[in-house]
Amino acid sequence: MPRIKIDHTKCTGCRHCETACSLNHVANTVNPRRARIRVMRDGNRYYPVIAGPFVDAACTSKHYIVIGEQTYDMCAFCRASCPEKPYFVEAETGIPLKCDFCGIPPSPSCVRWCNTGALELVED
């Protein structure tokens, strides 16, 4: 089963992935809010997060993770969209967005447009 592997150390925050994703899903419209990927920023670091499943309840098991000397709330890395983190909900309609790998066979636009190698389509 294919999945998109993310190497956060290679992400430059260019957001080409968001642009490519939104263009793939809404013809002739660049609207990163409609993209199924978001690039989060923390200082000089960037973290692409791909839309996963929608859940209608907030998580009850929140954790923190330490990367380097920074402590992060796991919500920042969670792919799910929930009432506390509605990043992947279309603003105009309220429809949850989920990565669909840009069709069958999988050919994610975000991977094709990522020129730093931060995103890679791999088989599990």
PDB file of N, CA and C in Angstrom:
ATOM      1  N   MET A   1       0.856  -1.182   0.000  1.00  0.00           N
ATOM      2  CA  MET A   1       0.000   0.000   0.000  1.00  0.00           C
ATOM      3  C   MET A   1       0.895   1.237   0.000  1.00  0.00           C
ATOM      4  N   PRO A   2       0.635   2.148  -0.916  1.00  0.00           N
ATOM      5  CA  PRO A   2       1.485   3.346  -0.977  1.00  0.00           C
ATOM      6  C   PRO A   2       1.191   4.313   0.167  1.00  0.00           C
ATOM      7  N   ARG A   3       2.202   5.061   0.502  1.00  0.00           N
ATOM      8  CA  ARG A   3       2.052   6.134   1.477  1.00  0.00           C
ATOM      9  C   ARG A   3       3.042   7.222   1.112  1.00  0.00           C
ATOM     10  N   ILE A   4       2.824   8.409   1.643  1.00  0.00           N
ATOM     11  CA  ILE A   4       3.730   9.525   1.375  1.00  0.00           C
ATOM     12  C   ILE A   4       4.665   9.651   2.566  1.00  0.00           C
ATOM     13  N   LYS A   5       5.937   9.458   2.293  1.00  0.00           N
ATOM     14  CA  LYS A   5       6.961   9.576   3.331  1.00  0.00           C
ATOM     15  C   LYS A   5       7.430  11.030   3.368  1.00  0.00           C
ATOM     16  N   ILE A   6       7.493  11.583   4.568  1.00  0.00           N
ATOM     17  CA  ILE A   6       7.880  12.990   4.737  1.00  0.00           C
ATOM     18  C   ILE A   6       9.227  13.058   5.449  1.00  0.00           C
ATOM     19  N   ASP A   7      10.160  13.766   4.845  1.00  0.00           N
ATOM     20  CA  ASP A   7      11.441  14.040   5.493  1.00  0.00           C
ATOM     21  C   ASP A   7      11.446  15.526   5.858  1.00  0.00           C
ATOM     22  N   HIS A   8      11.100  15.795   7.109  1.00  0.00           N
ATOM     23  CA  HIS A   8      10.969  17.179   7.562  1.00  0.00           C
ATOM     24  C   HIS A   8      12.263  17.969   7.424  1.00  0.00           C
ATOM     25  N   THR A   9      13.378  17.281   7.462  1.00  0.00           N
ATOM     26  CA  THR A   9      14.659  17.995   7.389  1.00  0.00           C
ATOM     27  C   THR A   9      14.911  18.578   6.000  1.00  0.00           C
ATOM     28  N   LYS A  10      14.206  18.067   4.990  1.00  0.00           N
ATOM     29  CA  LYS A  10      14.392  18.563   3.626  1.00  0.00           C
ATOM     30  C   LYS A  10      13.378  19.642   3.236  1.00  0.00           C
ATOM     31  N   CYS A  11      12.352  19.833   4.038  1.00  0.00           N
ATOM     32  CA  CYS A  11      11.315  20.809   3.708  1.00  0.00           C
ATOM     33  C   CYS A  11      11.842  22.230   3.917  1.00  0.00           C
ATOM     34  N   THR A  12      11.686  23.068   2.887  1.00  0.00           N
ATOM     35  CA  THR A  12      12.144  24.460   2.958  1.00  0.00           C
ATOM     36  C   THR A  12      10.996  25.431   3.225  1.00  0.00           C
ATOM     37  N   GLY A  13       9.770  24.921   3.279  1.00  0.00           N
ATOM     38  CA  GLY A  13       8.617  25.785   3.506  1.00  0.00           C
ATOM     39  C   GLY A  13       8.148  26.511   2.261  1.00  0.00           C
ATOM     40  N   CYS A  14       8.527  26.045   1.075  1.00  0.00           N
ATOM     41  CA  CYS A  14       8.149  26.721  -0.179  1.00  0.00           C
ATOM     42  C   CYS A  14       6.649  26.641  -0.445  1.00  0.00           C
ATOM     43  N   ARG A  15       6.010  25.634   0.083  1.00  0.00           N
ATOM     44  CA  ARG A  15       4.562  25.425  -0.032  1.00  0.00           C
ATOM     45  C   ARG A  15       4.109  25.097  -1.455  1.00  0.00           C
ATOM     46  N   HIS A  16       5.030  24.642  -2.299  1.00  0.00           N
ATOM     47  CA  HIS A  16       4.637  24.193  -3.638  1.00  0.00           C
ATOM     48  C   HIS A  16       3.667  23.021  -3.541  1.00  0.00           C
ATOM     49  N   CYS A  17       3.825  22.210  -2.521  1.00  0.00           N
ATOM     50  CA  CYS A  17       2.946  21.055  -2.324  1.00  0.00           C
ATOM     51  C   CYS A  17       1.496  21.499  -2.117  1.00  0.00           C
ATOM     52  N   GLU A  18       1.298  22.553  -1.329  1.00  0.00           N
ATOM     53  CA  GLU A  18      -0.052  23.058  -1.095  1.00  0.00           C
ATOM     54  C   GLU A  18      -0.660  23.586  -2.395  1.00  0.00           C
ATOM     55  N   THR A  19       0.146  24.328  -3.152  1.00  0.00           N
ATOM     56  CA  THR A  19      -0.327  24.881  -4.415  1.00  0.00           C
ATOM     57  C   THR A  19      -0.698  23.764  -5.393  1.00  0.00           C
ATOM     58  N   ALA A  20       0.185  22.783  -5.537  1.00  0.00           N
ATOM     59  CA  ALA A  20      -0.061  21.679  -6.467  1.00  0.00           C
ATOM     60  C   ALA A  20      -1.302  20.895  -6.061  1.00  0.00           C
ATOM     61  N   CYS A  21      -1.453  20.654  -4.781  1.00  0.00           N
ATOM     62  CA  CYS A  21      -2.617  19.898  -4.285  1.00  0.00           C
ATOM     63  C   CYS A  21      -3.908  20.653  -4.565  1.00  0.00           C
ATOM     64  N   SER A  22      -3.937  21.939  -4.269  1.00  0.00           N
ATOM     65  CA  SER A  22      -5.175  22.684  -4.488  1.00  0.00           C
ATOM     66  C   SER A  22      -5.512  22.772  -5.972  1.00  0.00           C
ATOM     67  N   LEU A  23      -4.489  22.923  -6.830  1.00  0.00           N
ATOM     68  CA  LEU A  23      -4.746  22.948  -8.274  1.00  0.00           C
ATOM     69  C   LEU A  23      -5.266  21.605  -8.771  1.00  0.00           C
ATOM     70  N   ASN A  24      -4.796  20.521  -8.182  1.00  0.00           N
ATOM     71  CA  ASN A  24      -5.256  19.196  -8.602  1.00  0.00           C
ATOM     72  C   ASN A  24      -6.721  18.953  -8.230  1.00  0.00           C
ATOM     73  N   HIS A  25      -7.157  19.544  -7.141  1.00  0.00           N
ATOM     74  CA  HIS A  25      -8.518  19.286  -6.673  1.00  0.00           C
ATOM     75  C   HIS A  25      -9.540  20.324  -7.095  1.00  0.00           C
ATOM     76  N   VAL A  26      -9.092  21.544  -7.422  1.00  0.00           N
ATOM     77  CA  VAL A  26      -9.999  22.591  -7.893  1.00  0.00           C
ATOM     78  C   VAL A  26      -9.348  23.202  -9.130  1.00  0.00           C
ATOM     79  N   ALA A  27      -9.887  22.901 -10.294  1.00  0.00           N
ATOM     80  CA  ALA A  27      -9.276  23.327 -11.559  1.00  0.00           C
ATOM     81  C   ALA A  27      -9.117  24.842 -11.636  1.00  0.00           C
ATOM     82  N   ASN A  28      -7.959  25.262 -12.072  1.00  0.00           N
ATOM     83  CA  ASN A  28      -7.642  26.670 -12.305  1.00  0.00           C
ATOM     84  C   ASN A  28      -7.750  27.549 -11.067  1.00  0.00           C
ATOM     85  N   THR A  29      -7.656  26.968  -9.891  1.00  0.00           N
ATOM     86  CA  THR A  29      -7.753  27.753  -8.669  1.00  0.00           C
ATOM     87  C   THR A  29      -6.625  27.367  -7.716  1.00  0.00           C
ATOM     88  N   VAL A  30      -5.845  28.357  -7.348  1.00  0.00           N
ATOM     89  CA  VAL A  30      -4.821  28.125  -6.325  1.00  0.00           C
ATOM     90  C   VAL A  30      -5.383  28.627  -5.006  1.00  0.00           C
ATOM     91  N   ASN A  31      -5.707  27.710  -4.148  1.00  0.00           N
ATOM     92  CA  ASN A  31      -6.237  28.050  -2.835  1.00  0.00           C
ATOM     93  C   ASN A  31      -5.710  27.022  -1.845  1.00  0.00           C
ATOM     94  N   PRO A  32      -4.578  27.327  -1.207  1.00  0.00           N
ATOM     95  CA  PRO A  32      -3.997  26.357  -0.275  1.00  0.00           C
ATOM     96  C   PRO A  32      -4.942  25.900   0.830  1.00  0.00           C
ATOM     97  N   ARG A  33      -5.987  26.660   1.113  1.00  0.00           N
ATOM     98  CA  ARG A  33      -6.953  26.215   2.127  1.00  0.00           C
ATOM     99  C   ARG A  33      -7.747  25.008   1.649  1.00  0.00           C
ATOM    100  N   ARG A  34      -7.716  24.739   0.356  1.00  0.00           N
ATOM    101  CA  ARG A  34      -8.389  23.552  -0.178  1.00  0.00           C
ATOM    102  C   ARG A  34      -7.421  22.390  -0.380  1.00  0.00           C
ATOM    103  N   ALA A  35      -6.177  22.595  -0.039  1.00  0.00           N
ATOM    104  CA  ALA A  35      -5.170  21.543  -0.188  1.00  0.00           C
ATOM    105  C   ALA A  35      -5.312  20.510   0.915  1.00  0.00           C
ATOM    106  N   ARG A  36      -4.905  19.293   0.586  1.00  0.00           N
ATOM    107  CA  ARG A  36      -4.939  18.191   1.555  1.00  0.00           C
ATOM    108  C   ARG A  36      -3.593  18.048   2.257  1.00  0.00           C
ATOM    109  N   ILE A  37      -2.768  19.059   2.146  1.00  0.00           N
ATOM    110  CA  ILE A  37      -1.476  19.099   2.827  1.00  0.00           C
ATOM    111  C   ILE A  37      -1.268  20.530   3.326  1.00  0.00           C
ATOM    112  N   ARG A  38      -0.697  20.662   4.504  1.00  0.00           N
ATOM    113  CA  ARG A  38      -0.372  21.973   5.067  1.00  0.00           C
ATOM    114  C   ARG A  38       1.072  21.927   5.536  1.00  0.00           C
ATOM    115  N   VAL A  39       1.746  23.022   5.324  1.00  0.00           N
ATOM    116  CA  VAL A  39       3.112  23.136   5.813  1.00  0.00           C
ATOM    117  C   VAL A  39       3.064  23.996   7.077  1.00  0.00           C
ATOM    118  N   MET A  40       3.352  23.352   8.196  1.00  0.00           N
ATOM    119  CA  MET A  40       3.381  24.051   9.478  1.00  0.00           C
ATOM    120  C   MET A  40       4.802  24.581   9.706  1.00  0.00           C
ATOM    121  N   ARG A  41       4.869  25.700  10.387  1.00  0.00           N
ATOM    122  CA  ARG A  41       6.165  26.313  10.653  1.00  0.00           C
ATOM    123  C   ARG A  41       6.369  26.452  12.153  1.00  0.00           C
ATOM    124  N   ASP A  42       7.580  26.133  12.565  1.00  0.00           N
ATOM    125  CA  ASP A  42       7.985  26.356  13.954  1.00  0.00           C
ATOM    126  C   ASP A  42       9.395  26.932  13.903  1.00  0.00           C
ATOM    127  N   GLY A  43       9.487  28.228  14.046  1.00  0.00           N
ATOM    128  CA  GLY A  43      10.794  28.882  13.929  1.00  0.00           C
ATOM    129  C   GLY A  43      11.323  28.727  12.518  1.00  0.00           C
ATOM    130  N   ASN A  44      12.479  28.138  12.386  1.00  0.00           N
ATOM    131  CA  ASN A  44      13.085  27.925  11.069  1.00  0.00           C
ATOM    132  C   ASN A  44      12.800  26.537  10.516  1.00  0.00           C
ATOM    133  N   ARG A  45      11.948  25.777  11.162  1.00  0.00           N
ATOM    134  CA  ARG A  45      11.629  24.425  10.716  1.00  0.00           C
ATOM    135  C   ARG A  45      10.235  24.379  10.113  1.00  0.00           C
ATOM    136  N   TYR A  46      10.098  23.491   9.119  1.00  0.00           N
ATOM    137  CA  TYR A  46       8.811  23.329   8.445  1.00  0.00           C
ATOM    138  C   TYR A  46       8.395  21.875   8.505  1.00  0.00           C
ATOM    139  N   TYR A  47       7.091  21.657   8.681  1.00  0.00           N
ATOM    140  CA  TYR A  47       6.563  20.305   8.846  1.00  0.00           C
ATOM    141  C   TYR A  47       5.332  20.108   7.968  1.00  0.00           C
ATOM    142  N   PRO A  48       5.518  19.469   6.813  1.00  0.00           N
ATOM    143  CA  PRO A  48       4.329  19.145   6.014  1.00  0.00           C
ATOM    144  C   PRO A  48       3.457  18.123   6.752  1.00  0.00           C
ATOM    145  N   VAL A  49       2.165  18.379   6.776  1.00  0.00           N
ATOM    146  CA  VAL A  49       1.206  17.472   7.405  1.00  0.00           C
ATOM    147  C   VAL A  49       0.137  17.161   6.371  1.00  0.00           C
ATOM    148  N   ILE A  50      -0.096  15.877   6.121  1.00  0.00           N
ATOM    149  CA  ILE A  50      -1.048  15.437   5.103  1.00  0.00           C
ATOM    150  C   ILE A  50      -2.367  15.065   5.763  1.00  0.00           C
ATOM    151  N   ALA A  51      -3.462  15.484   5.145  1.00  0.00           N
ATOM    152  CA  ALA A  51      -4.790  15.252   5.708  1.00  0.00           C
ATOM    153  C   ALA A  51      -5.100  13.772   5.829  1.00  0.00           C
ATOM    154  N   GLY A  52      -5.478  13.386   7.006  1.00  0.00           N
ATOM    155  CA  GLY A  52      -5.890  12.017   7.271  1.00  0.00           C
ATOM    156  C   GLY A  52      -7.393  11.977   7.467  1.00  0.00           C
ATOM    157  N   PRO A  53      -7.857  11.045   8.225  1.00  0.00           N
ATOM    158  CA  PRO A  53      -9.304  10.908   8.420  1.00  0.00           C
ATOM    159  C   PRO A  53      -9.883  12.024   9.289  1.00  0.00           C
ATOM    160  N   PHE A  54     -11.172  12.300   9.087  1.00  0.00           N
ATOM    161  CA  PHE A  54     -11.877  13.255   9.939  1.00  0.00           C
ATOM    162  C   PHE A  54     -12.487  12.503  11.114  1.00  0.00           C
ATOM    163  N   VAL A  55     -12.357  13.076  12.278  1.00  0.00           N
ATOM    164  CA  VAL A  55     -13.009  12.522  13.462  1.00  0.00           C
ATOM    165  C   VAL A  55     -13.847  13.640  14.075  1.00  0.00           C
ATOM    166  N   ASP A  56     -15.023  13.306  14.560  1.00  0.00           N
ATOM    167  CA  ASP A  56     -15.903  14.353  15.072  1.00  0.00           C
ATOM    168  C   ASP A  56     -15.776  14.600  16.561  1.00  0.00           C
ATOM    169  N   ALA A  57     -14.750  14.011  17.183  1.00  0.00           N
ATOM    170  CA  ALA A  57     -14.493  14.252  18.599  1.00  0.00           C
ATOM    171  C   ALA A  57     -13.013  14.557  18.783  1.00  0.00           C
ATOM    172  N   ALA A  58     -12.724  15.399  19.744  1.00  0.00           N
ATOM    173  CA  ALA A  58     -11.331  15.725  20.023  1.00  0.00           C
ATOM    174  C   ALA A  58     -10.629  14.530  20.663  1.00  0.00           C
ATOM    175  N   CYS A  59      -9.348  14.448  20.464  1.00  0.00           N
ATOM    176  CA  CYS A  59      -8.541  13.354  21.011  1.00  0.00           C
ATOM    177  C   CYS A  59      -8.526  13.425  22.540  1.00  0.00           C
ATOM    178  N   THR A  60      -8.577  12.282  23.174  1.00  0.00           N
ATOM    179  CA  THR A  60      -8.554  12.250  24.638  1.00  0.00           C
ATOM    180  C   THR A  60      -7.201  11.812  25.186  1.00  0.00           C
ATOM    181  N   SER A  61      -6.277  11.520  24.327  1.00  0.00           N
ATOM    182  CA  SER A  61      -4.962  11.081  24.802  1.00  0.00           C
ATOM    183  C   SER A  61      -3.876  11.962  24.201  1.00  0.00           C
ATOM    184  N   LYS A  62      -3.811  13.160  24.680  1.00  0.00           N
ATOM    185  CA  LYS A  62      -2.823  14.094  24.149  1.00  0.00           C
ATOM    186  C   LYS A  62      -1.449  13.816  24.752  1.00  0.00           C
ATOM    187  N   HIS A  63      -0.466  13.892  23.867  1.00  0.00           N
ATOM    188  CA  HIS A  63       0.909  13.638  24.280  1.00  0.00           C
ATOM    189  C   HIS A  63       1.806  14.761  23.762  1.00  0.00           C
ATOM    190  N   TYR A  64       2.996  14.767  24.307  1.00  0.00           N
ATOM    191  CA  TYR A  64       4.014  15.698  23.839  1.00  0.00           C
ATOM    192  C   TYR A  64       5.183  14.888  23.316  1.00  0.00           C
ATOM    193  N   ILE A  65       5.890  15.450  22.348  1.00  0.00           N
ATOM    194  CA  ILE A  65       7.046  14.777  21.782  1.00  0.00           C
ATOM    195  C   ILE A  65       8.224  15.753  21.815  1.00  0.00           C
ATOM    196  N   VAL A  66       9.399  15.217  22.080  1.00  0.00           N
ATOM    197  CA  VAL A  66      10.599  16.034  22.138  1.00  0.00           C
ATOM    198  C   VAL A  66      11.439  15.743  20.897  1.00  0.00           C
ATOM    199  N   ILE A  67      11.723  16.785  20.124  1.00  0.00           N
ATOM    200  CA  ILE A  67      12.597  16.683  18.951  1.00  0.00           C
ATOM    201  C   ILE A  67      13.726  17.672  19.185  1.00  0.00           C
ATOM    202  N   GLY A  68      14.909  17.172  19.240  1.00  0.00           N
ATOM    203  CA  GLY A  68      16.032  18.039  19.578  1.00  0.00           C
ATOM    204  C   GLY A  68      15.838  18.534  20.997  1.00  0.00           C
ATOM    205  N   GLU A  69      15.786  19.814  21.155  1.00  0.00           N
ATOM    206  CA  GLU A  69      15.556  20.383  22.481  1.00  0.00           C
ATOM    207  C   GLU A  69      14.178  21.022  22.580  1.00  0.00           C
ATOM    208  N   GLN A  70      13.333  20.813  21.567  1.00  0.00           N
ATOM    209  CA  GLN A  70      12.001  21.400  21.547  1.00  0.00           C
ATOM    210  C   GLN A  70      10.952  20.369  21.949  1.00  0.00           C
ATOM    211  N   THR A  71       9.955  20.813  22.672  1.00  0.00           N
ATOM    212  CA  THR A  71       8.824  19.976  23.025  1.00  0.00           C
ATOM    213  C   THR A  71       7.619  20.433  22.218  1.00  0.00           C
ATOM    214  N   TYR A  72       6.953  19.467  21.570  1.00  0.00           N
ATOM    215  CA  TYR A  72       5.823  19.781  20.704  1.00  0.00           C
ATOM    216  C   TYR A  72       4.581  19.053  21.180  1.00  0.00           C
ATOM    217  N   ASP A  73       3.457  19.711  21.023  1.00  0.00           N
ATOM    218  CA  ASP A  73       2.157  19.098  21.253  1.00  0.00           C
ATOM    219  C   ASP A  73       1.905  18.161  20.063  1.00  0.00           C
ATOM    220  N   MET A  74       1.563  16.931  20.316  1.00  0.00           N
ATOM    221  CA  MET A  74       1.356  15.951  19.241  1.00  0.00           C
ATOM    222  C   MET A  74       0.255  16.361  18.265  1.00  0.00           C
ATOM    223  N   CYS A  75      -0.615  17.254  18.684  1.00  0.00           N
ATOM    224  CA  CYS A  75      -1.650  17.735  17.755  1.00  0.00           C
ATOM    225  C   CYS A  75      -1.018  18.335  16.511  1.00  0.00           C
ATOM    226  N   ALA A  76       0.153  18.931  16.651  1.00  0.00           N
ATOM    227  CA  ALA A  76       0.814  19.546  15.508  1.00  0.00           C
ATOM    228  C   ALA A  76       1.174  18.524  14.447  1.00  0.00           C
ATOM    229  N   PHE A  77       1.364  17.277  14.823  1.00  0.00           N
ATOM    230  CA  PHE A  77       1.787  16.241  13.880  1.00  0.00           C
ATOM    231  C   PHE A  77       0.674  15.273  13.514  1.00  0.00           C
ATOM    232  N   CYS A  78      -0.455  15.390  14.188  1.00  0.00           N
ATOM    233  CA  CYS A  78      -1.569  14.488  13.915  1.00  0.00           C
ATOM    234  C   CYS A  78      -2.191  14.827  12.570  1.00  0.00           C
ATOM    235  N   ARG A  79      -2.485  13.807  11.785  1.00  0.00           N
ATOM    236  CA  ARG A  79      -3.064  14.006  10.460  1.00  0.00           C
ATOM    237  C   ARG A  79      -4.569  14.168  10.495  1.00  0.00           C
ATOM    238  N   ALA A  80      -5.186  13.782  11.572  1.00  0.00           N
ATOM    239  CA  ALA A  80      -6.641  13.814  11.636  1.00  0.00           C
ATOM    240  C   ALA A  80      -7.149  15.245  11.765  1.00  0.00           C
ATOM    241  N   SER A  81      -8.296  15.487  11.218  1.00  0.00           N
ATOM    242  CA  SER A  81      -8.986  16.746  11.407  1.00  0.00           C
ATOM    243  C   SER A  81     -10.042  16.516  12.477  1.00  0.00           C
ATOM    244  N   CYS A  82     -10.104  17.412  13.439  1.00  0.00           N
ATOM    245  CA  CYS A  82     -11.053  17.240  14.542  1.00  0.00           C
ATOM    246  C   CYS A  82     -11.562  18.621  14.954  1.00  0.00           C
ATOM    247  N   PRO A  83     -12.502  18.672  15.893  1.00  0.00           N
ATOM    248  CA  PRO A  83     -13.030  19.979  16.311  1.00  0.00           C
ATOM    249  C   PRO A  83     -11.955  20.922  16.864  1.00  0.00           C
ATOM    250  N   GLU A  84     -10.878  20.376  17.439  1.00  0.00           N
ATOM    251  CA  GLU A  84      -9.822  21.239  17.967  1.00  0.00           C
ATOM    252  C   GLU A  84      -8.805  21.631  16.910  1.00  0.00           C
ATOM    253  N   LYS A  85      -8.769  20.923  15.826  1.00  0.00           N
ATOM    254  CA  LYS A  85      -7.790  21.210  14.770  1.00  0.00           C
ATOM    255  C   LYS A  85      -8.460  21.060  13.400  1.00  0.00           C
ATOM    256  N   PRO A  86      -9.238  22.039  13.032  1.00  0.00           N
ATOM    257  CA  PRO A  86      -9.991  21.922  11.776  1.00  0.00           C
ATOM    258  C   PRO A  86      -9.213  22.406  10.556  1.00  0.00           C
ATOM    259  N   TYR A  87      -7.926  22.062  10.459  1.00  0.00           N
ATOM    260  CA  TYR A  87      -7.112  22.506   9.321  1.00  0.00           C
ATOM    261  C   TYR A  87      -7.609  21.934   8.010  1.00  0.00           C
ATOM    262  N   PHE A  88      -8.121  20.739   8.048  1.00  0.00           N
ATOM    263  CA  PHE A  88      -8.464  20.054   6.809  1.00  0.00           C
ATOM    264  C   PHE A  88      -9.963  19.983   6.596  1.00  0.00           C
ATOM    265  N   VAL A  89     -10.611  21.113   6.775  1.00  0.00           N
ATOM    266  CA  VAL A  89     -12.040  21.232   6.502  1.00  0.00           C
ATOM    267  C   VAL A  89     -12.205  22.382   5.518  1.00  0.00           C
ATOM    268  N   GLU A  90     -12.905  22.114   4.421  1.00  0.00           N
ATOM    269  CA  GLU A  90     -13.109  23.147   3.419  1.00  0.00           C
ATOM    270  C   GLU A  90     -13.939  24.281   4.019  1.00  0.00           C
ATOM    271  N   ALA A  91     -13.412  25.499   3.949  1.00  0.00           N
ATOM    272  CA  ALA A  91     -14.023  26.638   4.628  1.00  0.00           C
ATOM    273  C   ALA A  91     -15.443  26.934   4.157  1.00  0.00           C
ATOM    274  N   GLU A  92     -15.670  26.883   2.856  1.00  0.00           N
ATOM    275  CA  GLU A  92     -16.970  27.276   2.321  1.00  0.00           C
ATOM    276  C   GLU A  92     -18.070  26.260   2.592  1.00  0.00           C
ATOM    277  N   THR A  93     -17.712  24.983   2.607  1.00  0.00           N
ATOM    278  CA  THR A  93     -18.738  23.946   2.717  1.00  0.00           C
ATOM    279  C   THR A  93     -18.695  23.165   4.031  1.00  0.00           C
ATOM    280  N   GLY A  94     -17.571  23.214   4.736  1.00  0.00           N
ATOM    281  CA  GLY A  94     -17.431  22.426   5.955  1.00  0.00           C
ATOM    282  C   GLY A  94     -17.127  20.960   5.684  1.00  0.00           C
ATOM    283  N   ILE A  95     -16.870  20.617   4.428  1.00  0.00           N
ATOM    284  CA  ILE A  95     -16.580  19.229   4.070  1.00  0.00           C
ATOM    285  C   ILE A  95     -15.158  18.874   4.492  1.00  0.00           C
ATOM    286  N   PRO A  96     -14.994  17.768   5.232  1.00  0.00           N
ATOM    287  CA  PRO A  96     -13.643  17.339   5.611  1.00  0.00           C
ATOM    288  C   PRO A  96     -12.832  16.955   4.376  1.00  0.00           C
ATOM    289  N   LEU A  97     -11.566  17.328   4.382  1.00  0.00           N
ATOM    290  CA  LEU A  97     -10.658  17.002   3.288  1.00  0.00           C
ATOM    291  C   LEU A  97      -9.740  15.879   3.729  1.00  0.00           C
ATOM    292  N   LYS A  98      -9.477  14.959   2.822  1.00  0.00           N
ATOM    293  CA  LYS A  98      -8.581  13.848   3.115  1.00  0.00           C
ATOM    294  C   LYS A  98      -7.739  13.585   1.875  1.00  0.00           C
ATOM    295  N   CYS A  99      -6.471  13.299   2.092  1.00  0.00           N
ATOM    296  CA  CYS A  99      -5.578  12.999   0.966  1.00  0.00           C
ATOM    297  C   CYS A  99      -6.105  11.776   0.218  1.00  0.00           C
ATOM    298  N   ASP A 100      -6.211  11.912  -1.105  1.00  0.00           N
ATOM    299  CA  ASP A 100      -6.678  10.804  -1.942  1.00  0.00           C
ATOM    300  C   ASP A 100      -5.585  10.329  -2.900  1.00  0.00           C
ATOM    301  N   PHE A 101      -4.347  10.757  -2.649  1.00  0.00           N
ATOM    302  CA  PHE A 101      -3.197  10.397  -3.482  1.00  0.00           C
ATOM    303  C   PHE A 101      -3.399  10.834  -4.931  1.00  0.00           C
ATOM    304  N   CYS A 102      -4.312  11.772  -5.149  1.00  0.00           N
ATOM    305  CA  CYS A 102      -4.594  12.327  -6.478  1.00  0.00           C
ATOM    306  C   CYS A 102      -5.027  11.258  -7.471  1.00  0.00           C
ATOM    307  N   GLY A 103      -5.744  10.283  -7.001  1.00  0.00           N
ATOM    308  CA  GLY A 103      -6.375   9.337  -7.902  1.00  0.00           C
ATOM    309  C   GLY A 103      -5.751   7.965  -7.921  1.00  0.00           C
ATOM    310  N   ILE A 104      -6.202   7.175  -8.908  1.00  0.00           N
ATOM    311  CA  ILE A 104      -5.745   5.799  -9.058  1.00  0.00           C
ATOM    312  C   ILE A 104      -5.176   5.653 -10.457  1.00  0.00           C
ATOM    313  N   PRO A 105      -3.952   5.198 -10.639  1.00  0.00           N
ATOM    314  CA  PRO A 105      -2.990   4.829  -9.593  1.00  0.00           C
ATOM    315  C   PRO A 105      -2.493   6.084  -8.870  1.00  0.00           C
ATOM    316  N   PRO A 106      -1.992   5.911  -7.659  1.00  0.00           N
ATOM    317  CA  PRO A 106      -1.533   7.062  -6.877  1.00  0.00           C
ATOM    318  C   PRO A 106      -0.443   7.836  -7.601  1.00  0.00           C
ATOM    319  N   SER A 107      -0.639   9.135  -7.676  1.00  0.00           N
ATOM    320  CA  SER A 107       0.355  10.035  -8.269  1.00  0.00           C
ATOM    321  C   SER A 107       0.198  11.400  -7.616  1.00  0.00           C
ATOM    322  N   PRO A 108       0.533  11.501  -6.337  1.00  0.00           N
ATOM    323  CA  PRO A 108       0.270  12.738  -5.590  1.00  0.00           C
ATOM    324  C   PRO A 108       0.968  13.956  -6.195  1.00  0.00           C
ATOM    325  N   SER A 109       0.191  14.992  -6.441  1.00  0.00           N
ATOM    326  CA  SER A 109       0.744  16.235  -6.976  1.00  0.00           C
ATOM    327  C   SER A 109       1.794  16.821  -6.046  1.00  0.00           C
ATOM    328  N   CYS A 110       1.560  16.724  -4.746  1.00  0.00           N
ATOM    329  CA  CYS A 110       2.508  17.298  -3.790  1.00  0.00           C
ATOM    330  C   CYS A 110       3.886  16.657  -3.941  1.00  0.00           C
ATOM    331  N   VAL A 111       3.908  15.345  -4.168  1.00  0.00           N
ATOM    332  CA  VAL A 111       5.184  14.637  -4.337  1.00  0.00           C
ATOM    333  C   VAL A 111       5.838  15.054  -5.650  1.00  0.00           C
ATOM    334  N   ARG A 112       5.040  15.139  -6.705  1.00  0.00           N
ATOM    335  CA  ARG A 112       5.598  15.497  -8.012  1.00  0.00           C
ATOM    336  C   ARG A 112       6.183  16.905  -8.024  1.00  0.00           C
ATOM    337  N   TRP A 113       5.615  17.819  -7.249  1.00  0.00           N
ATOM    338  CA  TRP A 113       6.075  19.208  -7.245  1.00  0.00           C
ATOM    339  C   TRP A 113       7.083  19.509  -6.147  1.00  0.00           C
ATOM    340  N   CYS A 114       7.329  18.593  -5.283  1.00  0.00           N
ATOM    341  CA  CYS A 114       8.305  18.826  -4.204  1.00  0.00           C
ATOM    342  C   CYS A 114       9.707  18.694  -4.801  1.00  0.00           C
ATOM    343  N   ASN A 115      10.380  19.821  -4.946  1.00  0.00           N
ATOM    344  CA  ASN A 115      11.698  19.778  -5.573  1.00  0.00           C
ATOM    345  C   ASN A 115      12.852  19.652  -4.585  1.00  0.00           C
ATOM    346  N   THR A 116      12.534  19.456  -3.306  1.00  0.00           N
ATOM    347  CA  THR A 116      13.603  19.263  -2.327  1.00  0.00           C
ATOM    348  C   THR A 116      13.718  17.812  -1.885  1.00  0.00           C
ATOM    349  N   GLY A 117      12.757  16.979  -2.280  1.00  0.00           N
ATOM    350  CA  GLY A 117      12.783  15.585  -1.864  1.00  0.00           C
ATOM    351  C   GLY A 117      12.199  15.356  -0.477  1.00  0.00           C
ATOM    352  N   ALA A 118      11.501  16.346   0.057  1.00  0.00           N
ATOM    353  CA  ALA A 118      10.896  16.182   1.382  1.00  0.00           C
ATOM    354  C   ALA A 118       9.719  15.212   1.351  1.00  0.00           C
ATOM    355  N   LEU A 119       9.076  15.101   0.187  1.00  0.00           N
ATOM    356  CA  LEU A 119       7.933  14.203   0.038  1.00  0.00           C
ATOM    357  C   LEU A 119       8.293  13.113  -0.961  1.00  0.00           C
ATOM    358  N   GLU A 120       7.953  11.882  -0.607  1.00  0.00           N
ATOM    359  CA  GLU A 120       8.283  10.751  -1.475  1.00  0.00           C
ATOM    360  C   GLU A 120       7.173   9.711  -1.376  1.00  0.00           C
ATOM    361  N   LEU A 121       6.716   9.208  -2.512  1.00  0.00           N
ATOM    362  CA  LEU A 121       5.720   8.143  -2.520  1.00  0.00           C
ATOM    363  C   LEU A 121       6.452   6.818  -2.372  1.00  0.00           C
ATOM    364  N   VAL A 122       6.111   6.066  -1.337  1.00  0.00           N
ATOM    365  CA  VAL A 122       6.781   4.794  -1.071  1.00  0.00           C
ATOM    366  C   VAL A 122       5.736   3.701  -0.870  1.00  0.00           C
ATOM    367  N   GLU A 123       6.161   2.472  -1.015  1.00  0.00           N
ATOM    368  CA  GLU A 123       5.300   1.318  -0.739  1.00  0.00           C
ATOM    369  C   GLU A 123       5.631   0.783   0.648  1.00  0.00           C
ATOM    370  N   ASP A 124       4.610   0.413   1.382  1.00  0.00           N
ATOM    371  CA  ASP A 124       4.840  -0.202   2.705  1.00  0.00           C
ATOM    372  C   ASP A 124       5.125  -1.661   2.551  1.00  0.00           C
TER     373      ASP A 124
END
